[in-house]
């Protein structure tokens, strides 16, 4: 497993905590840049540590007319800095998406026809 370096530039620190929608939007931008249009951000969940808070945002794959195939990874969005501080490696998410497609290929292709 190789780690994918995060190159996103942090937004200036927030005075107020991010909302779930803002965290999801940050992850959607990451997805658009790195994974393509079949991946999407799931429902963010806030995790509070003694020194910091993060939003854990699942990354899922879905197909037109079929819907959600499953979760392929997760991104952690820093609540204060409003940027992604950790993410499942891109290669791992791509492989998970391929595995989900293979498992559900018959149903996905039937939905497309």
N, C-alpha and C. Protein backbone atom coordinates (compact mmCIF):
# COMPACT_ATOMS: atom_id res chain seq x y z
N UNK A 1 0.84 -1.18 0.00
CA UNK A 1 0.00 0.00 0.00
C UNK A 1 0.88 1.24 0.00
N UNK A 2 0.62 2.12 -0.92
CA UNK A 2 1.38 3.36 -0.92
C UNK A 2 0.49 4.51 -0.49
N UNK A 3 1.08 5.42 0.21
CA UNK A 3 0.32 6.59 0.66
C UNK A 3 0.28 7.59 -0.48
N UNK A 4 -0.85 8.25 -0.63
CA UNK A 4 -1.00 9.28 -1.66
C UNK A 4 -0.75 10.62 -1.00
N UNK A 5 0.26 11.37 -1.44
CA UNK A 5 0.51 12.67 -0.82
C UNK A 5 -0.63 13.63 -1.10
N UNK A 6 -1.04 14.34 -0.08
CA UNK A 6 -2.13 15.31 -0.24
C UNK A 6 -1.53 16.64 -0.67
N UNK A 7 -2.02 17.15 -1.78
CA UNK A 7 -1.46 18.39 -2.31
C UNK A 7 -2.45 19.54 -2.20
N UNK A 8 -3.62 19.27 -1.66
CA UNK A 8 -4.60 20.34 -1.54
C UNK A 8 -4.06 21.42 -0.60
N UNK A 9 -4.28 22.65 -0.97
CA UNK A 9 -3.84 23.76 -0.12
C UNK A 9 -4.89 24.04 0.94
N UNK A 10 -4.45 24.15 2.20
CA UNK A 10 -5.43 24.42 3.24
C UNK A 10 -6.08 25.79 3.06
N UNK A 11 -7.32 25.85 3.41
CA UNK A 11 -8.05 27.12 3.45
C UNK A 11 -7.65 27.77 4.78
N UNK A 12 -7.73 29.09 4.87
CA UNK A 12 -7.36 29.70 6.14
C UNK A 12 -8.19 29.15 7.29
N UNK A 13 -7.58 29.04 8.46
CA UNK A 13 -8.27 28.42 9.59
C UNK A 13 -9.61 29.07 9.89
N UNK A 14 -10.56 28.22 10.25
CA UNK A 14 -11.91 28.67 10.59
C UNK A 14 -11.97 29.19 12.01
N UNK A 15 -12.82 30.15 12.22
CA UNK A 15 -13.14 30.58 13.58
C UNK A 15 -14.27 29.73 14.13
N UNK A 16 -15.08 29.18 13.22
CA UNK A 16 -16.23 28.37 13.58
C UNK A 16 -16.03 26.98 12.98
N UNK A 17 -16.50 25.97 13.67
CA UNK A 17 -16.36 24.59 13.17
C UNK A 17 -17.07 24.44 11.83
N UNK A 18 -16.55 23.53 11.02
CA UNK A 18 -17.19 23.21 9.75
C UNK A 18 -18.54 22.56 9.99
N UNK A 19 -19.42 22.71 9.03
CA UNK A 19 -20.67 21.95 9.06
C UNK A 19 -20.43 20.65 8.30
N UNK A 20 -21.33 19.71 8.45
CA UNK A 20 -21.23 18.44 7.71
C UNK A 20 -21.24 18.71 6.21
N UNK A 21 -22.08 19.62 5.76
CA UNK A 21 -22.15 19.94 4.33
C UNK A 21 -20.82 20.50 3.81
N UNK A 22 -20.18 21.35 4.59
CA UNK A 22 -18.89 21.92 4.18
C UNK A 22 -17.82 20.83 4.10
N UNK A 23 -17.81 19.93 5.07
CA UNK A 23 -16.85 18.82 5.05
C UNK A 23 -17.09 17.94 3.82
N UNK A 24 -18.34 17.65 3.53
CA UNK A 24 -18.67 16.84 2.34
C UNK A 24 -18.24 17.54 1.07
N UNK A 25 -18.40 18.83 0.98
CA UNK A 25 -18.02 19.60 -0.21
C UNK A 25 -16.50 19.53 -0.43
N UNK A 26 -15.73 19.60 0.65
CA UNK A 26 -14.26 19.50 0.55
C UNK A 26 -13.89 18.13 -0.03
N UNK A 27 -14.55 17.09 0.45
CA UNK A 27 -14.28 15.73 -0.04
C UNK A 27 -14.76 15.58 -1.48
N UNK A 28 -15.90 16.16 -1.83
CA UNK A 28 -16.39 16.10 -3.22
C UNK A 28 -15.37 16.73 -4.17
N UNK A 29 -14.74 17.82 -3.77
CA UNK A 29 -13.72 18.46 -4.61
C UNK A 29 -12.52 17.52 -4.80
N UNK A 30 -12.12 16.86 -3.71
CA UNK A 30 -11.03 15.88 -3.79
C UNK A 30 -11.40 14.75 -4.75
N UNK A 31 -12.62 14.24 -4.62
CA UNK A 31 -13.10 13.16 -5.48
C UNK A 31 -13.07 13.59 -6.94
N UNK A 32 -13.54 14.78 -7.23
CA UNK A 32 -13.56 15.28 -8.61
C UNK A 32 -12.15 15.34 -9.19
N UNK A 33 -11.18 15.70 -8.39
CA UNK A 33 -9.80 15.81 -8.85
C UNK A 33 -9.10 14.46 -8.98
N UNK A 34 -9.50 13.46 -8.19
CA UNK A 34 -8.72 12.22 -8.10
C UNK A 34 -9.44 10.93 -8.47
N UNK A 35 -10.77 10.91 -8.44
CA UNK A 35 -11.47 9.63 -8.61
C UNK A 35 -12.49 9.59 -9.74
N UNK A 36 -13.03 10.70 -10.14
CA UNK A 36 -13.99 10.66 -11.24
C UNK A 36 -15.43 10.75 -10.78
N UNK A 37 -16.34 10.65 -11.76
CA UNK A 37 -17.74 10.97 -11.52
C UNK A 37 -18.59 9.84 -10.95
N UNK A 38 -18.05 8.65 -10.77
CA UNK A 38 -18.84 7.57 -10.16
C UNK A 38 -18.68 7.54 -8.64
N UNK A 39 -17.70 8.26 -8.13
CA UNK A 39 -17.48 8.30 -6.69
C UNK A 39 -18.20 9.51 -6.09
N UNK A 40 -18.58 9.39 -4.83
CA UNK A 40 -19.27 10.48 -4.14
C UNK A 40 -18.97 10.44 -2.65
N UNK A 41 -19.17 11.58 -2.00
CA UNK A 41 -18.97 11.68 -0.55
C UNK A 41 -20.23 11.20 0.16
N UNK A 42 -20.03 10.43 1.21
CA UNK A 42 -21.15 9.97 2.03
C UNK A 42 -21.45 10.95 3.14
N UNK A 43 -22.18 10.50 4.13
CA UNK A 43 -22.59 11.35 5.26
C UNK A 43 -21.41 11.53 6.22
N UNK A 44 -20.94 12.77 6.40
CA UNK A 44 -19.83 13.02 7.31
C UNK A 44 -20.23 12.79 8.78
N UNK A 45 -19.29 12.28 9.55
CA UNK A 45 -19.48 12.09 10.99
C UNK A 45 -18.33 12.79 11.70
N UNK A 46 -18.66 13.62 12.67
CA UNK A 46 -17.64 14.39 13.39
C UNK A 46 -17.01 13.53 14.48
N UNK A 47 -15.69 13.57 14.56
CA UNK A 47 -14.93 12.87 15.59
C UNK A 47 -14.17 13.92 16.38
N UNK A 48 -14.35 13.94 17.70
CA UNK A 48 -13.69 14.94 18.53
C UNK A 48 -12.60 14.27 19.35
N UNK A 49 -11.37 14.72 19.14
CA UNK A 49 -10.22 14.27 19.89
C UNK A 49 -9.91 15.31 20.97
N UNK A 50 -9.10 14.99 21.97
CA UNK A 50 -8.80 15.97 23.02
C UNK A 50 -8.21 17.28 22.50
N UNK A 51 -7.45 17.22 21.40
CA UNK A 51 -6.80 18.45 20.91
C UNK A 51 -7.35 18.94 19.57
N UNK A 52 -8.25 18.18 18.94
CA UNK A 52 -8.69 18.53 17.60
C UNK A 52 -9.95 17.77 17.23
N UNK A 53 -10.67 18.29 16.28
CA UNK A 53 -11.86 17.61 15.76
C UNK A 53 -11.67 17.37 14.26
N UNK A 54 -12.20 16.25 13.81
CA UNK A 54 -12.14 15.88 12.39
C UNK A 54 -13.52 15.45 11.93
N UNK A 55 -13.74 15.53 10.64
CA UNK A 55 -14.92 14.95 10.02
C UNK A 55 -14.47 13.71 9.27
N UNK A 56 -15.03 12.57 9.57
CA UNK A 56 -14.78 11.33 8.83
C UNK A 56 -15.85 11.25 7.75
N UNK A 57 -15.40 11.26 6.50
CA UNK A 57 -16.34 11.28 5.38
C UNK A 57 -16.11 10.03 4.52
N UNK A 58 -17.09 9.12 4.47
CA UNK A 58 -16.94 7.95 3.62
C UNK A 58 -16.94 8.35 2.14
N UNK A 59 -16.20 7.59 1.35
CA UNK A 59 -16.19 7.79 -0.09
C UNK A 59 -16.79 6.52 -0.70
N UNK A 60 -17.83 6.70 -1.49
CA UNK A 60 -18.56 5.57 -2.05
C UNK A 60 -18.55 5.64 -3.57
N UNK A 61 -18.96 4.54 -4.18
CA UNK A 61 -19.12 4.50 -5.63
C UNK A 61 -20.57 4.13 -5.94
N UNK A 62 -21.12 4.81 -6.95
CA UNK A 62 -22.51 4.56 -7.35
C UNK A 62 -22.57 4.58 -8.88
N UNK A 63 -23.56 3.88 -9.42
CA UNK A 63 -23.73 3.78 -10.87
C UNK A 63 -25.10 4.32 -11.25
N UNK A 64 -25.17 4.99 -12.43
CA UNK A 64 -26.46 5.51 -12.90
C UNK A 64 -27.49 4.38 -13.00
N UNK A 65 -28.68 4.67 -12.59
CA UNK A 65 -29.84 3.76 -12.62
C UNK A 65 -29.70 2.56 -11.67
N UNK A 66 -28.51 2.35 -11.11
CA UNK A 66 -28.30 1.24 -10.17
C UNK A 66 -28.27 1.76 -8.74
N UNK A 67 -27.52 2.83 -8.55
CA UNK A 67 -27.38 3.41 -7.22
C UNK A 67 -26.08 3.02 -6.54
N UNK A 68 -26.09 3.07 -5.24
CA UNK A 68 -24.89 2.85 -4.43
C UNK A 68 -24.41 1.41 -4.54
N UNK A 69 -23.12 1.27 -4.88
CA UNK A 69 -22.51 -0.06 -4.94
C UNK A 69 -21.78 -0.37 -3.63
N UNK A 70 -21.25 0.68 -2.97
CA UNK A 70 -20.58 0.46 -1.70
C UNK A 70 -19.54 1.52 -1.40
N UNK A 71 -19.00 1.44 -0.19
CA UNK A 71 -17.97 2.38 0.28
C UNK A 71 -16.61 1.86 -0.16
N UNK A 72 -15.78 2.76 -0.70
CA UNK A 72 -14.45 2.38 -1.18
C UNK A 72 -13.32 3.01 -0.37
N UNK A 73 -13.63 3.96 0.50
CA UNK A 73 -12.59 4.60 1.28
C UNK A 73 -13.16 5.62 2.24
N UNK A 74 -12.27 6.39 2.84
CA UNK A 74 -12.68 7.42 3.79
C UNK A 74 -11.69 8.57 3.74
N UNK A 75 -12.19 9.77 3.98
CA UNK A 75 -11.34 10.96 4.08
C UNK A 75 -11.58 11.60 5.43
N UNK A 76 -10.52 12.13 6.01
CA UNK A 76 -10.61 12.86 7.28
C UNK A 76 -10.37 14.33 6.99
N UNK A 77 -11.35 15.16 7.34
CA UNK A 77 -11.27 16.60 7.11
C UNK A 77 -11.05 17.29 8.45
N UNK A 78 -9.98 18.07 8.53
CA UNK A 78 -9.68 18.82 9.75
C UNK A 78 -10.74 19.89 9.95
N UNK A 79 -11.34 19.90 11.12
CA UNK A 79 -12.44 20.82 11.41
C UNK A 79 -11.99 22.27 11.47
N UNK A 80 -10.77 22.50 11.92
CA UNK A 80 -10.28 23.87 12.06
C UNK A 80 -9.66 24.41 10.77
N UNK A 81 -8.85 23.58 10.12
CA UNK A 81 -8.14 24.02 8.93
C UNK A 81 -8.95 23.89 7.65
N UNK A 82 -10.04 23.12 7.71
CA UNK A 82 -10.92 22.91 6.56
C UNK A 82 -10.18 22.30 5.37
N UNK A 83 -9.36 21.29 5.64
CA UNK A 83 -8.70 20.56 4.56
C UNK A 83 -8.60 19.08 4.91
N UNK A 84 -8.34 18.29 3.89
CA UNK A 84 -8.20 16.84 4.10
C UNK A 84 -6.82 16.58 4.69
N UNK A 85 -6.81 15.85 5.82
CA UNK A 85 -5.56 15.54 6.49
C UNK A 85 -5.18 14.07 6.36
N UNK A 86 -6.11 13.23 5.94
CA UNK A 86 -5.84 11.80 5.71
C UNK A 86 -6.89 11.27 4.77
N UNK A 87 -6.49 10.29 3.96
CA UNK A 87 -7.42 9.70 3.00
C UNK A 87 -6.93 8.30 2.65
N UNK A 88 -7.87 7.41 2.38
CA UNK A 88 -7.52 6.09 1.87
C UNK A 88 -6.73 6.29 0.57
N UNK A 89 -5.63 5.57 0.38
CA UNK A 89 -4.86 5.76 -0.85
C UNK A 89 -5.73 5.56 -2.10
N UNK A 90 -5.49 6.40 -3.10
CA UNK A 90 -6.25 6.38 -4.35
C UNK A 90 -6.26 4.98 -4.97
N UNK A 91 -5.10 4.34 -5.01
CA UNK A 91 -5.00 3.01 -5.62
C UNK A 91 -5.89 2.01 -4.89
N UNK A 92 -5.97 2.11 -3.57
CA UNK A 92 -6.82 1.21 -2.79
C UNK A 92 -8.30 1.45 -3.10
N UNK A 93 -8.67 2.72 -3.25
CA UNK A 93 -10.06 3.03 -3.57
C UNK A 93 -10.41 2.55 -4.97
N UNK A 94 -9.49 2.72 -5.92
CA UNK A 94 -9.75 2.25 -7.28
C UNK A 94 -9.92 0.73 -7.30
N UNK A 95 -9.09 0.03 -6.55
CA UNK A 95 -9.20 -1.42 -6.48
C UNK A 95 -10.52 -1.84 -5.82
N UNK A 96 -10.90 -1.15 -4.75
CA UNK A 96 -12.17 -1.46 -4.07
C UNK A 96 -13.34 -1.24 -5.02
N UNK A 97 -13.28 -0.18 -5.82
CA UNK A 97 -14.35 0.10 -6.79
C UNK A 97 -14.42 -1.02 -7.83
N UNK A 98 -13.27 -1.47 -8.30
CA UNK A 98 -13.25 -2.57 -9.28
C UNK A 98 -13.83 -3.85 -8.68
N UNK A 99 -13.50 -4.13 -7.42
CA UNK A 99 -14.01 -5.33 -6.75
C UNK A 99 -15.53 -5.25 -6.56
N UNK A 100 -16.02 -4.08 -6.16
CA UNK A 100 -17.47 -3.91 -6.02
C UNK A 100 -18.18 -4.09 -7.35
N UNK A 101 -17.59 -3.53 -8.42
CA UNK A 101 -18.19 -3.68 -9.74
C UNK A 101 -18.24 -5.17 -10.13
N UNK A 102 -17.13 -5.87 -9.93
CA UNK A 102 -17.08 -7.29 -10.28
C UNK A 102 -18.13 -8.09 -9.51
N UNK A 103 -18.29 -7.77 -8.24
CA UNK A 103 -19.27 -8.48 -7.40
C UNK A 103 -20.71 -8.21 -7.83
N UNK A 104 -20.97 -7.02 -8.37
CA UNK A 104 -22.34 -6.60 -8.69
C UNK A 104 -22.54 -6.37 -10.19
N UNK A 105 -21.62 -6.86 -11.00
CA UNK A 105 -21.62 -6.58 -12.44
C UNK A 105 -22.95 -6.89 -13.12
N UNK A 106 -23.51 -8.05 -12.87
CA UNK A 106 -24.75 -8.44 -13.52
C UNK A 106 -25.87 -7.44 -13.21
N UNK A 107 -26.01 -7.07 -11.94
CA UNK A 107 -27.08 -6.14 -11.54
C UNK A 107 -26.82 -4.74 -12.08
N UNK A 108 -25.56 -4.30 -12.05
CA UNK A 108 -25.22 -2.95 -12.54
C UNK A 108 -25.51 -2.87 -14.04
N UNK A 109 -25.08 -3.86 -14.80
CA UNK A 109 -25.30 -3.82 -16.25
C UNK A 109 -26.78 -3.95 -16.60
N UNK A 110 -27.52 -4.73 -15.83
CA UNK A 110 -28.96 -4.86 -16.06
C UNK A 110 -29.65 -3.52 -15.83
N UNK A 111 -29.21 -2.79 -14.82
CA UNK A 111 -29.82 -1.49 -14.51
C UNK A 111 -29.55 -0.47 -15.61
N UNK A 112 -28.41 -0.59 -16.28
CA UNK A 112 -28.05 0.35 -17.34
C UNK A 112 -28.83 0.10 -18.64
N UNK A 113 -29.37 -1.08 -18.80
CA UNK A 113 -30.10 -1.41 -20.04
C UNK A 113 -31.57 -1.14 -19.93
